Amino acid sequence: MNTQKNKYINSYVAGFFLGLLIIAAYYFAGEGLGSSGGYRDVAFGVINKISPEYAHQNAFVAPHVSSDEGPTHTWLVYELIGVIFGAILSAVIFGRMKWSIGKAPHITNKKRLYLALIGGVLWGVGTQLGRGCTSGLVLSGMAVNSLSGYIGLIAIFGFGFIFAYVFKKLWIKTKN
């Protein structure tokens, strides 16, 4: 019997609680979940601390730093802090707290970290060009029964399956 399976929360239960969390987010904060806005707000806060003149003159940054509280006082920043500490707490509780680099056996650590950095930068740029991240689109969009949320879900999982099929050779090398 595999006792490892019992160590983790049931994905259906987690989905149910995620749904409750979205309802609570709309009720208390007036908006849904997402991560890109929090990262953006932290970046704007750093820009404002380093160079307030630049921040207030830049057309993209200025609307977010004009208030007295600053951009890092948005609820999305606290959501990110909760996600980080929640992940650490979960790892500690379930005995998974360790440093490791998830990668294919034939890829070096340096290459994996380099590709992860490139992917992260592309994600950051893409979320700002698309005005939000995929989790915000699907989770928050479907929570308010928006057609774009359902279309986003189909597109994300559809392209995910296609990409996984096409790019699996980068992860798993088969013998000829």
Protein backbone atom coordinates (compact mmCIF):
# COMPACT_ATOMS: atom_id res chain seq x y z
CA MET A 1 0.00 0.00 0.00
CA ASN A 2 1.30 3.44 -0.96
CA THR A 3 1.21 5.59 2.18
CA GLN A 4 2.81 8.53 0.35
CA LYS A 5 -0.53 9.28 -1.34
CA ASN A 6 -2.22 9.90 2.02
CA LYS A 7 0.32 12.61 2.86
CA TYR A 8 -1.19 15.17 0.50
CA ILE A 9 -4.53 16.93 0.38
CA ASN A 10 -7.11 15.60 -2.04
CA SER A 11 -7.15 17.77 -5.19
CA TYR A 12 -10.96 17.91 -5.17
CA VAL A 13 -10.93 19.22 -1.60
CA ALA A 14 -8.24 21.76 -2.55
CA GLY A 15 -10.35 22.89 -5.51
CA PHE A 16 -13.36 23.33 -3.26
CA PHE A 17 -11.35 25.47 -0.84
CA LEU A 18 -9.93 27.48 -3.76
CA GLY A 19 -13.49 28.19 -4.86
CA LEU A 20 -14.36 29.38 -1.35
CA LEU A 21 -11.25 31.56 -1.39
CA ILE A 22 -12.33 33.21 -4.64
CA ILE A 23 -15.77 33.94 -3.20
CA ALA A 24 -14.11 35.46 -0.12
CA ALA A 25 -11.77 37.53 -2.30
CA TYR A 26 -14.68 39.01 -4.23
CA TYR A 27 -16.62 39.62 -1.03
CA PHE A 28 -13.85 41.24 1.01
CA ALA A 29 -11.58 42.78 -1.65
CA GLY A 30 -14.01 43.35 -4.49
CA GLU A 31 -11.82 41.54 -7.02
CA GLY A 32 -10.64 38.04 -7.84
CA LEU A 33 -7.36 36.21 -7.47
CA GLY A 34 -4.22 36.55 -9.55
CA SER A 35 -0.49 36.90 -9.10
CA SER A 36 0.85 39.21 -11.78
CA GLY A 37 -0.70 42.34 -10.27
CA GLY A 38 1.07 41.71 -6.97
CA TYR A 39 4.46 41.29 -8.65
CA ARG A 40 3.80 44.44 -10.68
CA ASP A 41 2.88 46.40 -7.55
CA VAL A 42 6.07 45.28 -5.76
CA ALA A 43 8.14 46.32 -8.81
CA PHE A 44 6.42 49.71 -8.90
CA GLY A 45 7.07 50.14 -5.18
CA VAL A 46 10.79 49.42 -5.68
CA ILE A 47 10.95 51.83 -8.64
CA ASN A 48 9.22 54.51 -6.54
CA LYS A 49 11.68 54.03 -3.65
CA ILE A 50 14.77 54.12 -5.89
CA SER A 51 13.69 56.94 -8.20
CA PRO A 52 10.44 58.71 -7.26
CA GLU A 53 10.95 61.32 -9.99
CA TYR A 54 11.14 58.66 -12.69
CA ALA A 55 8.18 56.76 -11.22
CA HIS A 56 5.92 59.82 -11.26
CA GLN A 57 6.97 60.82 -14.80
CA ASN A 58 6.60 57.35 -16.35
CA ALA A 59 3.15 56.94 -17.94
CA PHE A 60 2.96 53.23 -17.06
CA VAL A 61 4.16 53.51 -13.45
CA ALA A 62 2.72 56.90 -12.41
CA PRO A 63 -0.94 55.86 -11.95
CA HIS A 64 0.15 53.16 -9.50
CA VAL A 65 2.44 55.32 -7.33
CA SER A 66 0.33 58.48 -7.11
CA SER A 67 -1.46 57.55 -3.86
CA ASP A 68 -0.05 58.32 -0.42
CA GLU A 69 0.10 54.63 0.55
CA GLY A 70 1.97 53.49 -2.56
CA PRO A 71 1.52 50.41 -4.72
CA THR A 72 2.74 47.86 -2.19
CA HIS A 73 -0.29 48.43 0.02
CA THR A 74 -2.63 46.64 -2.37
CA TRP A 75 -4.22 43.39 -1.25
CA LEU A 76 -2.48 41.51 -4.12
CA VAL A 77 0.89 42.07 -2.45
CA TYR A 78 -0.45 40.52 0.75
CA GLU A 79 -1.87 37.66 -1.32
CA LEU A 80 1.65 36.98 -2.65
CA ILE A 81 3.11 37.08 0.85
CA GLY A 82 0.43 34.60 1.93
CA VAL A 83 1.21 32.32 -1.01
CA ILE A 84 4.94 32.33 -0.20
CA PHE A 85 4.48 31.68 3.52
CA GLY A 86 1.66 29.22 2.85
CA ALA A 87 3.92 27.21 0.54
CA ILE A 88 6.69 27.17 3.14
CA LEU A 89 4.27 26.14 5.88
CA SER A 90 2.80 23.37 3.71
CA ALA A 91 6.29 22.08 2.86
CA VAL A 92 7.25 22.01 6.53
CA ILE A 93 4.01 20.31 7.64
CA PHE A 94 4.21 17.60 4.98
CA GLY A 95 7.98 17.03 5.23
CA ARG A 96 8.84 18.39 1.78
CA MET A 97 11.01 21.32 2.86
CA LYS A 98 14.22 20.95 0.87
CA TRP A 99 16.12 22.84 -1.77
CA SER A 100 16.14 21.15 -5.14
CA ILE A 101 16.06 21.99 -8.82
CA GLY A 102 13.39 20.13 -10.77
CA LYS A 103 14.82 19.27 -14.17
CA ALA A 104 15.27 16.59 -16.75
CA PRO A 105 18.20 14.25 -16.10
CA HIS A 106 20.13 15.41 -19.17
CA ILE A 107 19.85 19.17 -18.44
CA THR A 108 22.41 20.85 -16.21
CA ASN A 109 21.40 22.90 -13.18
CA LYS A 110 22.85 26.03 -14.78
CA LYS A 111 20.86 25.55 -18.00
CA ARG A 112 17.66 24.82 -16.04
CA LEU A 113 18.03 27.97 -13.93
CA TYR A 114 18.88 30.04 -17.01
CA LEU A 115 15.78 28.77 -18.84
CA ALA A 116 13.64 29.34 -15.73
CA LEU A 117 14.85 32.96 -15.59
CA ILE A 118 14.01 33.48 -19.28
CA GLY A 119 10.58 31.89 -18.75
CA GLY A 120 9.93 34.10 -15.72
CA VAL A 121 10.82 37.26 -17.60
CA LEU A 122 8.62 36.24 -20.54
CA TRP A 123 5.78 35.45 -18.11
CA GLY A 124 6.15 38.89 -16.50
CA VAL A 125 6.14 40.73 -19.81
CA GLY A 126 3.28 38.61 -21.16
CA THR A 127 1.09 39.17 -18.12
CA GLN A 128 1.47 42.91 -18.44
CA LEU A 129 0.80 42.89 -22.18
CA GLY A 130 -2.21 40.62 -21.61
CA ARG A 131 -3.36 42.69 -18.62
CA GLY A 132 -3.21 39.77 -16.20
CA CYS A 133 -2.08 36.22 -15.60
CA THR A 134 -3.74 32.99 -16.63
CA SER A 135 -4.75 32.08 -13.09
CA GLY A 136 -6.53 35.38 -12.70
CA LEU A 137 -8.23 34.96 -16.07
CA VAL A 138 -9.51 31.45 -15.44
CA LEU A 139 -10.16 31.43 -11.70
CA SER A 140 -11.58 34.91 -11.38
CA GLY A 141 -13.20 34.91 -14.81
CA MET A 142 -15.07 31.68 -14.24
CA ALA A 143 -16.05 32.79 -10.72
CA VAL A 144 -18.08 35.61 -12.24
CA ASN A 145 -19.31 33.38 -15.09
CA SER A 146 -17.38 35.33 -17.73
CA LEU A 147 -17.15 33.77 -21.19
CA SER A 148 -13.47 34.82 -21.36
CA GLY A 149 -12.77 32.70 -18.27
CA TYR A 150 -14.16 29.58 -19.96
CA ILE A 151 -12.40 30.31 -23.25
CA GLY A 152 -9.18 30.92 -21.31
CA LEU A 153 -9.53 27.58 -19.53
CA ILE A 154 -9.96 25.72 -22.82
CA ALA A 155 -7.05 27.59 -24.41
CA ILE A 156 -4.68 27.12 -21.48
CA PHE A 157 -5.28 23.40 -21.07
CA GLY A 158 -5.58 22.79 -24.82
CA PHE A 159 -2.27 24.46 -25.63
CA GLY A 160 -0.74 22.92 -22.50
CA PHE A 161 -1.51 19.42 -23.78
CA ILE A 162 -0.20 20.31 -27.26
CA PHE A 163 3.01 21.84 -25.87
CA ALA A 164 3.52 18.90 -23.52
CA TYR A 165 3.25 16.48 -26.43
CA VAL A 166 5.56 18.51 -28.70
CA PHE A 167 8.18 19.43 -26.11
CA LYS A 168 8.32 16.23 -24.05
CA LYS A 169 11.49 15.26 -25.93
CA LEU A 170 13.27 18.13 -24.17
CA TRP A 171 12.49 16.44 -20.86
CA ILE A 172 12.58 12.74 -21.69
CA LYS A 173 15.08 11.36 -24.16
CA THR A 174 13.99 8.09 -25.71
CA LYS A 175 16.37 5.45 -26.98
CA ASN A 176 16.39 4.89 -30.73
